[in-house]
């Protein structure tokens, strides 16, 4: 039986990883600060699971980690826009918090059990942008904003603690995750919320930046794949291979929101291109973000060689995602 600690267990990705681990029969010790972006409804449901234990605490302040096989660190400040306004909380959570967890692991006594593997969640943004081609795990890190810089610094800490103190680790670098229970500051849920409020959707840089989209269930499956494979002291990209411009993502959301999605889907099934539609009345394209990355793209062949592959298709899933956020308002 595997024992895992999961930090950030009440976030969108963290909750799906928690569910995936519980489904495998693992015992999960969940830690979450319960910030504005956490989902208290998930915790209230998960605490009833016999294999789940929850502690509300900031990873900066955690002073105890139970004996376990993995410490899966998903806790992080992750919104780029917030990091540009004020980076202090990003430095604390994403760097100081990671150092604290690493020190707790390195100071664990080896006379009872082996020290756990530190399974750290990074991001595709640590590589910076790439106009063509893909980033590989061996590429140089060139972060473009305070958020990605804090995540890149955390990656360096993990590698340094591994070399200096012999800590075993895994680093996972995912692309943009989407799914249910994401706080409405990220592109998909905030687009739906603005449509509900009859507010225009602010798209940076005219919506031209390209992002790769990965469903959080597929991300959680990647975690299970790596644990089952028994690999350690490696870095893995996880992408899924689906990318599009932000304006195309938002256009699909508007299409679904206005309940034309069935027509759109039927035209695709017949092999007919969907009719071009003008969504300009719903958009505000006036904002230009400083340090905007034009495109992220990862090569995840290394992970796929272990048997992982994405199962969720964006164009099929987005309809139910829109319906979920449309019917479940969140402040």
C-alpha atoms as a PDB file:
ATOM      1  CA  UNK A   1       0.000   0.000   0.000  1.00  0.00           C
ATOM      2  CA  UNK A   2       1.339   3.394  -1.006  1.00  0.00           C
ATOM      3  CA  UNK A   3       1.339   6.321   1.426  1.00  0.00           C
ATOM      4  CA  UNK A   4       1.368   9.771  -0.195  1.00  0.00           C
ATOM      5  CA  UNK A   5       1.328  13.327   1.072  1.00  0.00           C
ATOM      6  CA  UNK A   6      -0.356  15.746  -1.344  1.00  0.00           C
ATOM      7  CA  UNK A   7       0.047  19.487  -0.828  1.00  0.00           C
ATOM      8  CA  UNK A   8      -2.480  21.744  -2.519  1.00  0.00           C
ATOM      9  CA  UNK A   9      -5.009  18.918  -2.352  1.00  0.00           C
ATOM     10  CA  UNK A  10      -7.990  21.303  -2.498  1.00  0.00           C
ATOM     11  CA  UNK A  11      -6.994  22.951  -5.774  1.00  0.00           C
ATOM     12  CA  UNK A  12      -8.232  21.821  -9.171  1.00  0.00           C
ATOM     13  CA  UNK A  13      -5.186  19.708 -10.060  1.00  0.00           C
ATOM     14  CA  UNK A  14      -4.557  18.677  -6.456  1.00  0.00           C
ATOM     15  CA  UNK A  15      -8.110  17.407  -5.970  1.00  0.00           C
ATOM     16  CA  UNK A  16      -7.942  15.299  -9.127  1.00  0.00           C
ATOM     17  CA  UNK A  17      -4.566  13.851  -8.128  1.00  0.00           C
ATOM     18  CA  UNK A  18      -6.007  13.101  -4.684  1.00  0.00           C
ATOM     19  CA  UNK A  19      -8.975  11.278  -6.220  1.00  0.00           C
ATOM     20  CA  UNK A  20      -6.682   9.325  -8.562  1.00  0.00           C
ATOM     21  CA  UNK A  21      -4.489   8.222  -5.638  1.00  0.00           C
ATOM     22  CA  UNK A  22      -7.476   7.213  -3.519  1.00  0.00           C
ATOM     23  CA  UNK A  23      -8.851   5.243  -6.471  1.00  0.00           C
ATOM     24  CA  UNK A  24      -5.567   3.312  -6.504  1.00  0.00           C
ATOM     25  CA  UNK A  25      -6.059   2.387  -2.862  1.00  0.00           C
ATOM     26  CA  UNK A  26      -3.325   4.739  -1.625  1.00  0.00           C
ATOM     27  CA  UNK A  27      -3.595   6.428   1.753  1.00  0.00           C
ATOM     28  CA  UNK A  28      -3.501  10.206   1.265  1.00  0.00           C
ATOM     29  CA  UNK A  29      -2.390  12.822   3.795  1.00  0.00           C
ATOM     30  CA  UNK A  30      -3.664  16.076   2.288  1.00  0.00           C
ATOM     31  CA  UNK A  31      -2.284  19.515   3.120  1.00  0.00           C
ATOM     32  CA  UNK A  32      -3.819  22.768   1.892  1.00  0.00           C
ATOM     33  CA  UNK A  33      -3.631  26.364   3.044  1.00  0.00           C
ATOM     34  CA  UNK A  34      -7.237  26.894   1.846  1.00  0.00           C
ATOM     35  CA  UNK A  35      -6.613  30.121  -0.046  1.00  0.00           C
ATOM     36  CA  UNK A  36      -9.224  31.883  -2.161  1.00  0.00           C
ATOM     37  CA  UNK A  37      -8.534  29.415  -4.993  1.00  0.00           C
ATOM     38  CA  UNK A  38      -9.080  26.256  -2.918  1.00  0.00           C
ATOM     39  CA  UNK A  39     -12.285  24.255  -3.142  1.00  0.00           C
ATOM     40  CA  UNK A  40     -13.767  23.685   0.341  1.00  0.00           C
ATOM     41  CA  UNK A  41     -16.529  21.504  -1.124  1.00  0.00           C
ATOM     42  CA  UNK A  42     -13.946  18.956  -2.211  1.00  0.00           C
ATOM     43  CA  UNK A  43     -12.472  18.733   1.286  1.00  0.00           C
ATOM     44  CA  UNK A  44     -15.887  18.335   2.907  1.00  0.00           C
ATOM     45  CA  UNK A  45     -16.523  15.361   0.621  1.00  0.00           C
ATOM     46  CA  UNK A  46     -13.022  13.841   0.716  1.00  0.00           C
ATOM     47  CA  UNK A  47     -12.749  13.762   4.513  1.00  0.00           C
ATOM     48  CA  UNK A  48     -15.384  11.044   4.543  1.00  0.00           C
ATOM     49  CA  UNK A  49     -13.061   8.723   2.620  1.00  0.00           C
ATOM     50  CA  UNK A  50     -11.432   6.238   5.019  1.00  0.00           C
ATOM     51  CA  UNK A  51      -8.019   6.633   3.350  1.00  0.00           C
ATOM     52  CA  UNK A  52      -7.941  10.445   3.423  1.00  0.00           C
ATOM     53  CA  UNK A  53      -6.608  12.676   6.194  1.00  0.00           C
ATOM     54  CA  UNK A  54      -6.635  16.472   5.889  1.00  0.00           C
ATOM     55  CA  UNK A  55      -4.546  19.177   7.552  1.00  0.00           C
ATOM     56  CA  UNK A  56      -5.076  22.879   6.865  1.00  0.00           C
ATOM     57  CA  UNK A  57      -1.627  24.458   6.783  1.00  0.00           C
ATOM     58  CA  UNK A  58       0.654  26.593   4.638  1.00  0.00           C
ATOM     59  CA  UNK A  59       3.612  24.656   3.192  1.00  0.00           C
ATOM     60  CA  UNK A  60       5.818  27.523   4.366  1.00  0.00           C
ATOM     61  CA  UNK A  61       4.835  26.676   7.954  1.00  0.00           C
ATOM     62  CA  UNK A  62       4.519  22.885   7.832  1.00  0.00           C
ATOM     63  CA  UNK A  63       6.770  21.390  10.526  1.00  0.00           C
ATOM     64  CA  UNK A  64       5.886  17.727  10.183  1.00  0.00           C
ATOM     65  CA  UNK A  65       5.573  15.242   7.343  1.00  0.00           C
ATOM     66  CA  UNK A  66       4.372  11.721   8.161  1.00  0.00           C
ATOM     67  CA  UNK A  67       6.314   8.710   6.907  1.00  0.00           C
ATOM     68  CA  UNK A  68       5.258   8.136   3.325  1.00  0.00           C
ATOM     69  CA  UNK A  69       6.430   6.998  -0.102  1.00  0.00           C
ATOM     70  CA  UNK A  70       5.865  10.283  -1.949  1.00  0.00           C
ATOM     71  CA  UNK A  71       5.413  13.935  -1.095  1.00  0.00           C
ATOM     72  CA  UNK A  72       3.488  15.255  -4.107  1.00  0.00           C
ATOM     73  CA  UNK A  73       3.847  19.029  -4.038  1.00  0.00           C
ATOM     74  CA  UNK A  74       1.100  20.755  -6.024  1.00  0.00           C
ATOM     75  CA  UNK A  75       0.611  23.704  -3.665  1.00  0.00           C
ATOM     76  CA  UNK A  76       1.538  26.946  -5.419  1.00  0.00           C
ATOM     77  CA  UNK A  77       0.494  30.443  -6.318  1.00  0.00           C
ATOM     78  CA  UNK A  78      -0.141  30.084 -10.033  1.00  0.00           C
ATOM     79  CA  UNK A  79      -1.884  33.097 -11.577  1.00  0.00           C
ATOM     80  CA  UNK A  80       0.525  35.033 -13.798  1.00  0.00           C
ATOM     81  CA  UNK A  81      -1.471  38.269 -13.602  1.00  0.00           C
ATOM     82  CA  UNK A  82      -1.348  38.260  -9.807  1.00  0.00           C
ATOM     83  CA  UNK A  83       2.401  37.663  -9.849  1.00  0.00           C
ATOM     84  CA  UNK A  84       2.921  40.719 -12.031  1.00  0.00           C
ATOM     85  CA  UNK A  85       0.955  42.904  -9.599  1.00  0.00           C
ATOM     86  CA  UNK A  86       2.654  41.534  -6.455  1.00  0.00           C
ATOM     87  CA  UNK A  87       5.168  38.674  -6.463  1.00  0.00           C
ATOM     88  CA  UNK A  88       5.653  38.336  -2.690  1.00  0.00           C
ATOM     89  CA  UNK A  89       3.189  35.474  -2.124  1.00  0.00           C
ATOM     90  CA  UNK A  90       4.697  33.661  -5.137  1.00  0.00           C
ATOM     91  CA  UNK A  91       8.178  33.870  -3.637  1.00  0.00           C
ATOM     92  CA  UNK A  92       6.873  32.579  -0.317  1.00  0.00           C
ATOM     93  CA  UNK A  93       4.767  29.656  -1.559  1.00  0.00           C
ATOM     94  CA  UNK A  94       6.671  28.631  -4.661  1.00  0.00           C
ATOM     95  CA  UNK A  95      10.224  29.014  -3.336  1.00  0.00           C
ATOM     96  CA  UNK A  96      10.287  29.248   0.463  1.00  0.00           C
ATOM     97  CA  UNK A  97       7.538  26.637   0.770  1.00  0.00           C
ATOM     98  CA  UNK A  98       9.403  24.221  -1.499  1.00  0.00           C
ATOM     99  CA  UNK A  99      12.629  24.713   0.483  1.00  0.00           C
ATOM    100  CA  UNK A 100      10.740  23.943   3.689  1.00  0.00           C
ATOM    101  CA  UNK A 101       9.362  20.678   2.287  1.00  0.00           C
ATOM    102  CA  UNK A 102      12.783  19.687   0.972  1.00  0.00           C
ATOM    103  CA  UNK A 103      14.364  20.324   4.367  1.00  0.00           C
ATOM    104  CA  UNK A 104      11.679  18.324   6.137  1.00  0.00           C
ATOM    105  CA  UNK A 105      12.434  15.390   3.830  1.00  0.00           C
ATOM    106  CA  UNK A 106      16.222  15.623   4.143  1.00  0.00           C
ATOM    107  CA  UNK A 107      15.985  15.753   7.943  1.00  0.00           C
ATOM    108  CA  UNK A 108      13.862  12.638   8.176  1.00  0.00           C
ATOM    109  CA  UNK A 109      15.674   9.886  10.042  1.00  0.00           C
ATOM    110  CA  UNK A 110      16.468   6.827   7.950  1.00  0.00           C
ATOM    111  CA  UNK A 111      16.345   4.361  10.825  1.00  0.00           C
ATOM    112  CA  UNK A 112      12.561   3.910  10.505  1.00  0.00           C
ATOM    113  CA  UNK A 113      11.870   4.117   6.786  1.00  0.00           C
ATOM    114  CA  UNK A 114      13.379   5.437   3.571  1.00  0.00           C
ATOM    115  CA  UNK A 115      12.951   9.138   2.931  1.00  0.00           C
ATOM    116  CA  UNK A 116      10.032   9.837   0.569  1.00  0.00           C
ATOM    117  CA  UNK A 117      10.454  10.820  -3.057  1.00  0.00           C
ATOM    118  CA  UNK A 118       9.744  14.527  -3.570  1.00  0.00           C
ATOM    119  CA  UNK A 119       7.301  14.653  -6.503  1.00  0.00           C
ATOM    120  CA  UNK A 120       7.264  18.300  -7.519  1.00  0.00           C
ATOM    121  CA  UNK A 121       4.775  19.973  -9.873  1.00  0.00           C
ATOM    122  CA  UNK A 122       6.457  22.547 -12.077  1.00  0.00           C
ATOM    123  CA  UNK A 123       5.066  24.197 -15.237  1.00  0.00           C
ATOM    124  CA  UNK A 124       5.719  24.530 -18.959  1.00  0.00           C
ATOM    125  CA  UNK A 125       6.309  28.226 -18.348  1.00  0.00           C
ATOM    126  CA  UNK A 126       9.757  27.628 -16.837  1.00  0.00           C
ATOM    127  CA  UNK A 127      11.115  27.158 -20.375  1.00  0.00           C
ATOM    128  CA  UNK A 128       9.742  30.475 -21.592  1.00  0.00           C
ATOM    129  CA  UNK A 129       8.022  30.701 -24.944  1.00  0.00           C
ATOM    130  CA  UNK A 130       8.905  29.045 -28.243  1.00  0.00           C
ATOM    131  CA  UNK A 131       7.582  30.244 -31.598  1.00  0.00           C
ATOM    132  CA  UNK A 132       8.005  26.883 -33.332  1.00  0.00           C
ATOM    133  CA  UNK A 133       8.981  23.391 -32.294  1.00  0.00           C
ATOM    134  CA  UNK A 134       8.811  21.948 -28.783  1.00  0.00           C
ATOM    135  CA  UNK A 135      10.645  22.172 -25.490  1.00  0.00           C
ATOM    136  CA  UNK A 136      12.364  19.075 -24.131  1.00  0.00           C
ATOM    137  CA  UNK A 137      13.159  18.289 -20.512  1.00  0.00           C
ATOM    138  CA  UNK A 138      16.836  19.099 -21.097  1.00  0.00           C
ATOM    139  CA  UNK A 139      16.196  22.612 -22.448  1.00  0.00           C
ATOM    140  CA  UNK A 140      17.460  25.692 -20.637  1.00  0.00           C
ATOM    141  CA  UNK A 141      14.987  27.434 -18.341  1.00  0.00           C
ATOM    142  CA  UNK A 142      14.113  30.984 -19.439  1.00  0.00           C
ATOM    143  CA  UNK A 143      11.104  32.179 -17.411  1.00  0.00           C
ATOM    144  CA  UNK A 144       9.383  35.354 -18.574  1.00  0.00           C
ATOM    145  CA  UNK A 145       7.384  36.563 -15.552  1.00  0.00           C
ATOM    146  CA  UNK A 146       7.514  36.466 -11.725  1.00  0.00           C
ATOM    147  CA  UNK A 147       5.323  33.337 -11.544  1.00  0.00           C
ATOM    148  CA  UNK A 148       7.414  31.255 -13.930  1.00  0.00           C
ATOM    149  CA  UNK A 149      10.622  32.597 -12.358  1.00  0.00           C
ATOM    150  CA  UNK A 150       9.463  31.372  -8.930  1.00  0.00           C
ATOM    151  CA  UNK A 151       8.655  27.942 -10.374  1.00  0.00           C
ATOM    152  CA  UNK A 152      12.012  27.738 -12.153  1.00  0.00           C
ATOM    153  CA  UNK A 153      13.747  28.651  -8.884  1.00  0.00           C
ATOM    154  CA  UNK A 154      11.874  25.820  -7.153  1.00  0.00           C
ATOM    155  CA  UNK A 155      13.029  23.359  -9.821  1.00  0.00           C
ATOM    156  CA  UNK A 156      16.615  24.446  -9.189  1.00  0.00           C
ATOM    157  CA  UNK A 157      16.172  23.919  -5.452  1.00  0.00           C
ATOM    158  CA  UNK A 158      14.910  20.385  -6.039  1.00  0.00           C
ATOM    159  CA  UNK A 159      17.903  19.530  -8.232  1.00  0.00           C
ATOM    160  CA  UNK A 160      20.349  21.137  -5.782  1.00  0.00           C
ATOM    161  CA  UNK A 161      18.892  19.301  -2.750  1.00  0.00           C
ATOM    162  CA  UNK A 162      19.055  16.076  -4.742  1.00  0.00           C
ATOM    163  CA  UNK A 163      22.753  16.546  -5.485  1.00  0.00           C
ATOM    164  CA  UNK A 164      23.785  17.919  -2.094  1.00  0.00           C
ATOM    165  CA  UNK A 165      21.593  15.877   0.243  1.00  0.00           C
ATOM    166  CA  UNK A 166      20.746  12.827  -1.864  1.00  0.00           C
ATOM    167  CA  UNK A 167      17.004  13.490  -1.937  1.00  0.00           C
ATOM    168  CA  UNK A 168      15.157  11.443  -4.549  1.00  0.00           C
ATOM    169  CA  UNK A 169      12.781  13.434  -6.716  1.00  0.00           C
ATOM    170  CA  UNK A 170      10.449  13.642  -9.696  1.00  0.00           C
ATOM    171  CA  UNK A 171       9.635  16.896 -11.490  1.00  0.00           C
ATOM    172  CA  UNK A 172       6.511  17.085 -13.653  1.00  0.00           C
ATOM    173  CA  UNK A 173       6.089  20.030 -16.030  1.00  0.00           C
ATOM    174  CA  UNK A 174       2.506  20.217 -17.335  1.00  0.00           C
ATOM    175  CA  UNK A 175       0.959  22.564 -19.879  1.00  0.00           C
ATOM    176  CA  UNK A 176      -2.225  24.582 -19.217  1.00  0.00           C
ATOM    177  CA  UNK A 177      -4.612  22.451 -17.183  1.00  0.00           C
ATOM    178  CA  UNK A 178      -8.370  22.766 -17.407  1.00  0.00           C
ATOM    179  CA  UNK A 179     -11.314  20.970 -15.827  1.00  0.00           C
ATOM    180  CA  UNK A 180     -13.952  21.307 -13.140  1.00  0.00           C
ATOM    181  CA  UNK A 181     -13.602  23.395  -9.959  1.00  0.00           C
ATOM    182  CA  UNK A 182     -10.986  25.804 -11.300  1.00  0.00           C
ATOM    183  CA  UNK A 183     -11.064  29.222  -9.693  1.00  0.00           C
ATOM    184  CA  UNK A 184     -12.508  31.888 -12.044  1.00  0.00           C
ATOM    185  CA  UNK A 185      -9.325  33.804 -12.693  1.00  0.00           C
ATOM    186  CA  UNK A 186      -7.987  31.354 -15.290  1.00  0.00           C
ATOM    187  CA  UNK A 187      -9.056  31.720 -18.924  1.00  0.00           C
ATOM    188  CA  UNK A 188     -11.837  29.140 -19.233  1.00  0.00           C
ATOM    189  CA  UNK A 189     -13.831  29.782 -16.030  1.00  0.00           C
ATOM    190  CA  UNK A 190     -13.385  33.571 -16.130  1.00  0.00           C
ATOM    191  CA  UNK A 191     -14.614  33.638 -19.728  1.00  0.00           C
ATOM    192  CA  UNK A 192     -17.786  31.805 -18.698  1.00  0.00           C
ATOM    193  CA  UNK A 193     -18.245  34.005 -15.626  1.00  0.00           C
ATOM    194  CA  UNK A 194     -17.933  37.162 -17.723  1.00  0.00           C
ATOM    195  CA  UNK A 195     -20.513  35.817 -20.168  1.00  0.00           C
ATOM    196  CA  UNK A 196     -22.851  35.201 -17.233  1.00  0.00           C
ATOM    197  CA  UNK A 197     -22.311  38.800 -16.093  1.00  0.00           C
ATOM    198  CA  UNK A 198     -22.670  40.307 -19.574  1.00  0.00           C
ATOM    199  CA  UNK A 199     -19.110  41.575 -19.284  1.00  0.00           C
ATOM    200  CA  UNK A 200     -16.609  41.648 -22.120  1.00  0.00           C
ATOM    201  CA  UNK A 201     -13.850  39.044 -22.093  1.00  0.00           C
ATOM    202  CA  UNK A 202     -10.423  40.635 -21.844  1.00  0.00           C
ATOM    203  CA  UNK A 203      -7.999  38.822 -24.132  1.00  0.00           C
ATOM    204  CA  UNK A 204      -4.357  39.807 -23.841  1.00  0.00           C
ATOM    205  CA  UNK A 205      -2.427  40.614 -27.003  1.00  0.00           C
ATOM    206  CA  UNK A 206      -5.540  40.254 -29.192  1.00  0.00           C
ATOM    207  CA  UNK A 207      -5.865  36.605 -28.219  1.00  0.00           C
ATOM    208  CA  UNK A 208      -2.935  35.611 -30.417  1.00  0.00           C
ATOM    209  CA  UNK A 209      -0.817  33.755 -27.803  1.00  0.00           C
ATOM    210  CA  UNK A 210      -0.904  29.971 -28.270  1.00  0.00           C
ATOM    211  CA  UNK A 211      -1.409  27.574 -25.362  1.00  0.00           C
ATOM    212  CA  UNK A 212      -1.427  23.789 -25.065  1.00  0.00           C
ATOM    213  CA  UNK A 213      -4.399  22.401 -23.133  1.00  0.00           C
ATOM    214  CA  UNK A 214      -4.341  19.354 -20.873  1.00  0.00           C
ATOM    215  CA  UNK A 215      -7.267  18.031 -18.869  1.00  0.00           C
ATOM    216  CA  UNK A 216      -6.501  17.665 -15.160  1.00  0.00           C
ATOM    217  CA  UNK A 217      -7.723  14.053 -15.223  1.00  0.00           C
ATOM    218  CA  UNK A 218      -4.984  13.283 -17.742  1.00  0.00           C
ATOM    219  CA  UNK A 219      -2.483  15.100 -15.514  1.00  0.00           C
ATOM    220  CA  UNK A 220      -3.570  12.971 -12.558  1.00  0.00           C
ATOM    221  CA  UNK A 221      -3.178   9.856 -14.717  1.00  0.00           C
ATOM    222  CA  UNK A 222       0.392  10.955 -15.491  1.00  0.00           C
ATOM    223  CA  UNK A 223       1.128  11.018 -11.745  1.00  0.00           C
ATOM    224  CA  UNK A 224      -0.145   7.464 -11.327  1.00  0.00           C
ATOM    225  CA  UNK A 225       1.841   6.333 -14.384  1.00  0.00           C
ATOM    226  CA  UNK A 226       5.087   7.672 -12.895  1.00  0.00           C
ATOM    227  CA  UNK A 227       4.432   6.173  -9.470  1.00  0.00           C
ATOM    228  CA  UNK A 228       3.633   2.770 -10.956  1.00  0.00           C
ATOM    229  CA  UNK A 229       6.717   2.925 -13.194  1.00  0.00           C
ATOM    230  CA  UNK A 230       8.893   3.435 -10.119  1.00  0.00           C
ATOM    231  CA  UNK A 231      11.043   6.054 -11.830  1.00  0.00           C
ATOM    232  CA  UNK A 232      12.895   8.671  -9.819  1.00  0.00           C
ATOM    233  CA  UNK A 233      15.428  11.471 -10.212  1.00  0.00           C
ATOM    234  CA  UNK A 234      13.935  12.411 -13.591  1.00  0.00           C
ATOM    235  CA  UNK A 235      12.061  15.332 -15.164  1.00  0.00           C
ATOM    236  CA  UNK A 236       8.966  14.708 -17.295  1.00  0.00           C
ATOM    237  CA  UNK A 237       6.970  17.019 -19.539  1.00  0.00           C
ATOM    238  CA  UNK A 238       3.246  16.334 -19.908  1.00  0.00           C
ATOM    239  CA  UNK A 239       1.374  18.058 -22.691  1.00  0.00           C
ATOM    240  CA  UNK A 240      -1.247  16.032 -24.540  1.00  0.00           C
ATOM    241  CA  UNK A 241      -0.403  17.525 -27.920  1.00  0.00           C
ATOM    242  CA  UNK A 242      -3.377  19.925 -28.331  1.00  0.00           C
ATOM    243  CA  UNK A 243      -2.713  23.626 -28.840  1.00  0.00           C
ATOM    244  CA  UNK A 244      -4.649  26.621 -30.089  1.00  0.00           C
ATOM    245  CA  UNK A 245      -4.714  30.405 -29.899  1.00  0.00           C
ATOM    246  CA  UNK A 246      -6.425  31.900 -26.865  1.00  0.00           C
ATOM    247  CA  UNK A 247      -8.958  33.601 -29.104  1.00  0.00           C
ATOM    248  CA  UNK A 248      -9.905  30.199 -30.541  1.00  0.00           C
ATOM    249  CA  UNK A 249     -10.338  28.789 -27.035  1.00  0.00           C
ATOM    250  CA  UNK A 250     -12.611  31.676 -26.081  1.00  0.00           C
ATOM    251  CA  UNK A 251     -14.565  31.429 -29.355  1.00  0.00           C
ATOM    252  CA  UNK A 252     -15.359  27.780 -28.624  1.00  0.00           C
ATOM    253  CA  UNK A 253     -16.493  28.707 -25.118  1.00  0.00           C
ATOM    254  CA  UNK A 254     -18.804  31.425 -26.440  1.00  0.00           C
ATOM    255  CA  UNK A 255     -20.171  28.990 -29.012  1.00  0.00           C
ATOM    256  CA  UNK A 256     -20.978  26.440 -26.315  1.00  0.00           C
ATOM    257  CA  UNK A 257     -22.336  29.050 -23.927  1.00  0.00           C
ATOM    258  CA  UNK A 258     -24.797  30.313 -26.494  1.00  0.00           C
ATOM    259  CA  UNK A 259     -25.958  26.719 -27.013  1.00  0.00           C
ATOM    260  CA  UNK A 260     -24.881  26.465 -30.635  1.00  0.00           C
ATOM    261  CA  UNK A 261     -22.440  23.698 -29.719  1.00  0.00           C
ATOM    262  CA  UNK A 262     -24.630  20.888 -31.103  1.00  0.00           C
ATOM    263  CA  UNK A 263     -24.746  22.519 -34.523  1.00  0.00           C
ATOM    264  CA  UNK A 264     -20.996  23.052 -34.403  1.00  0.00           C
ATOM    265  CA  UNK A 265     -20.418  19.419 -33.448  1.00  0.00           C
ATOM    266  CA  UNK A 266     -22.713  18.065 -36.177  1.00  0.00           C
ATOM    267  CA  UNK A 267     -20.896  20.066 -38.827  1.00  0.00           C
ATOM    268  CA  UNK A 268     -17.572  18.674 -37.605  1.00  0.00           C
ATOM    269  CA  UNK A 269     -18.898  15.108 -37.757  1.00  0.00           C
ATOM    270  CA  UNK A 270     -19.948  15.630 -41.370  1.00  0.00           C
ATOM    271  CA  UNK A 271     -16.525  16.982 -42.218  1.00  0.00           C
ATOM    272  CA  UNK A 272     -17.909  20.436 -42.937  1.00  0.00           C
ATOM    273  CA  UNK A 273     -16.045  23.475 -41.600  1.00  0.00           C
ATOM    274  CA  UNK A 274     -18.070  25.439 -39.049  1.00  0.00           C
ATOM    275  CA  UNK A 275     -19.420  28.753 -40.208  1.00  0.00           C
ATOM    276  CA  UNK A 276     -17.129  31.637 -39.306  1.00  0.00           C
ATOM    277  CA  UNK A 277     -18.767  33.767 -36.639  1.00  0.00           C
ATOM    278  CA  UNK A 278     -17.969  37.212 -35.329  1.00  0.00           C
ATOM    279  CA  UNK A 279     -17.665  37.222 -31.537  1.00  0.00           C
ATOM    280  CA  UNK A 280     -16.174  40.739 -31.337  1.00  0.00           C
ATOM    281  CA  UNK A 281     -19.126  42.087 -29.336  1.00  0.00           C
ATOM    282  CA  UNK A 282     -18.100  39.776 -26.479  1.00  0.00           C
ATOM    283  CA  UNK A 283     -14.384  40.652 -26.548  1.00  0.00           C
ATOM    284  CA  UNK A 284     -12.084  43.383 -25.278  1.00  0.00           C
ATOM    285  CA  UNK A 285      -8.784  43.139 -27.177  1.00  0.00           C
ATOM    286  CA  UNK A 286      -7.251  46.354 -25.877  1.00  0.00           C
ATOM    287  CA  UNK A 287      -4.961  44.908 -23.187  1.00  0.00           C
ATOM    288  CA  UNK A 288      -1.299  44.082 -23.778  1.00  0.00           C
ATOM    289  CA  UNK A 289       0.433  42.104 -21.015  1.00  0.00           C
ATOM    290  CA  UNK A 290       4.061  42.804 -20.196  1.00  0.00           C
ATOM    291  CA  UNK A 291       6.275  39.763 -20.693  1.00  0.00           C
ATOM    292  CA  UNK A 292       3.553  37.883 -22.563  1.00  0.00           C
ATOM    293  CA  UNK A 293       4.726  34.490 -23.817  1.00  0.00           C
ATOM    294  CA  UNK A 294       3.640  33.954 -27.416  1.00  0.00           C
ATOM    295  CA  UNK A 295       3.498  30.154 -27.376  1.00  0.00           C
ATOM    296  CA  UNK A 296       4.189  27.194 -25.084  1.00  0.00           C
ATOM    297  CA  UNK A 297       4.802  23.730 -26.448  1.00  0.00           C
ATOM    298  CA  UNK A 298       6.235  20.632 -24.786  1.00  0.00           C
ATOM    299  CA  UNK A 299       7.497  17.327 -26.098  1.00  0.00           C
ATOM    300  CA  UNK A 300       6.215  14.574 -23.785  1.00  0.00           C
ATOM    301  CA  UNK A 301       7.583  11.503 -25.587  1.00  0.00           C
ATOM    302  CA  UNK A 302       9.518  10.564 -22.456  1.00  0.00           C
ATOM    303  CA  UNK A 303       6.307  10.200 -20.441  1.00  0.00           C
ATOM    304  CA  UNK A 304       4.472   8.476 -23.297  1.00  0.00           C
ATOM    305  CA  UNK A 305       7.241   5.860 -23.448  1.00  0.00           C
ATOM    306  CA  UNK A 306       6.015   4.715 -20.015  1.00  0.00           C
ATOM    307  CA  UNK A 307       2.539   4.035 -21.397  1.00  0.00           C
ATOM    308  CA  UNK A 308       0.768   7.315 -20.611  1.00  0.00           C
ATOM    309  CA  UNK A 309      -1.367   9.025 -23.228  1.00  0.00           C
ATOM    310  CA  UNK A 310      -4.100  11.669 -22.971  1.00  0.00           C
ATOM    311  CA  UNK A 311      -7.678  10.401 -22.944  1.00  0.00           C
ATOM    312  CA  UNK A 312      -9.714  13.620 -22.817  1.00  0.00           C
ATOM    313  CA  UNK A 313     -10.320  15.584 -26.033  1.00  0.00           C
ATOM    314  CA  UNK A 314     -10.667  19.336 -25.556  1.00  0.00           C
ATOM    315  CA  UNK A 315     -13.308  19.892 -28.251  1.00  0.00           C
ATOM    316  CA  UNK A 316     -15.534  17.197 -26.760  1.00  0.00           C
ATOM    317  CA  UNK A 317     -14.944  18.078 -23.104  1.00  0.00           C
ATOM    318  CA  UNK A 318     -15.386  21.846 -23.409  1.00  0.00           C
ATOM    319  CA  UNK A 319     -19.162  21.541 -23.814  1.00  0.00           C
ATOM    320  CA  UNK A 320     -19.612  19.897 -20.407  1.00  0.00           C
ATOM    321  CA  UNK A 321     -17.030  22.230 -18.842  1.00  0.00           C
ATOM    322  CA  UNK A 322     -19.005  25.273 -19.987  1.00  0.00           C
ATOM    323  CA  UNK A 323     -22.222  23.729 -18.701  1.00  0.00           C
ATOM    324  CA  UNK A 324     -20.603  23.030 -15.332  1.00  0.00           C
ATOM    325  CA  UNK A 325     -19.395  26.591 -14.777  1.00  0.00           C
ATOM    326  CA  UNK A 326     -22.613  28.022 -16.176  1.00  0.00           C
ATOM    327  CA  UNK A 327     -24.608  26.073 -13.584  1.00  0.00           C
ATOM    328  CA  UNK A 328     -22.177  26.400 -10.651  1.00  0.00           C
ATOM    329  CA  UNK A 329     -21.466  30.032  -9.826  1.00  0.00           C
ATOM    330  CA  UNK A 330     -18.370  30.729  -7.759  1.00  0.00           C
ATOM    331  CA  UNK A 331     -17.366  34.019  -6.198  1.00  0.00           C
END
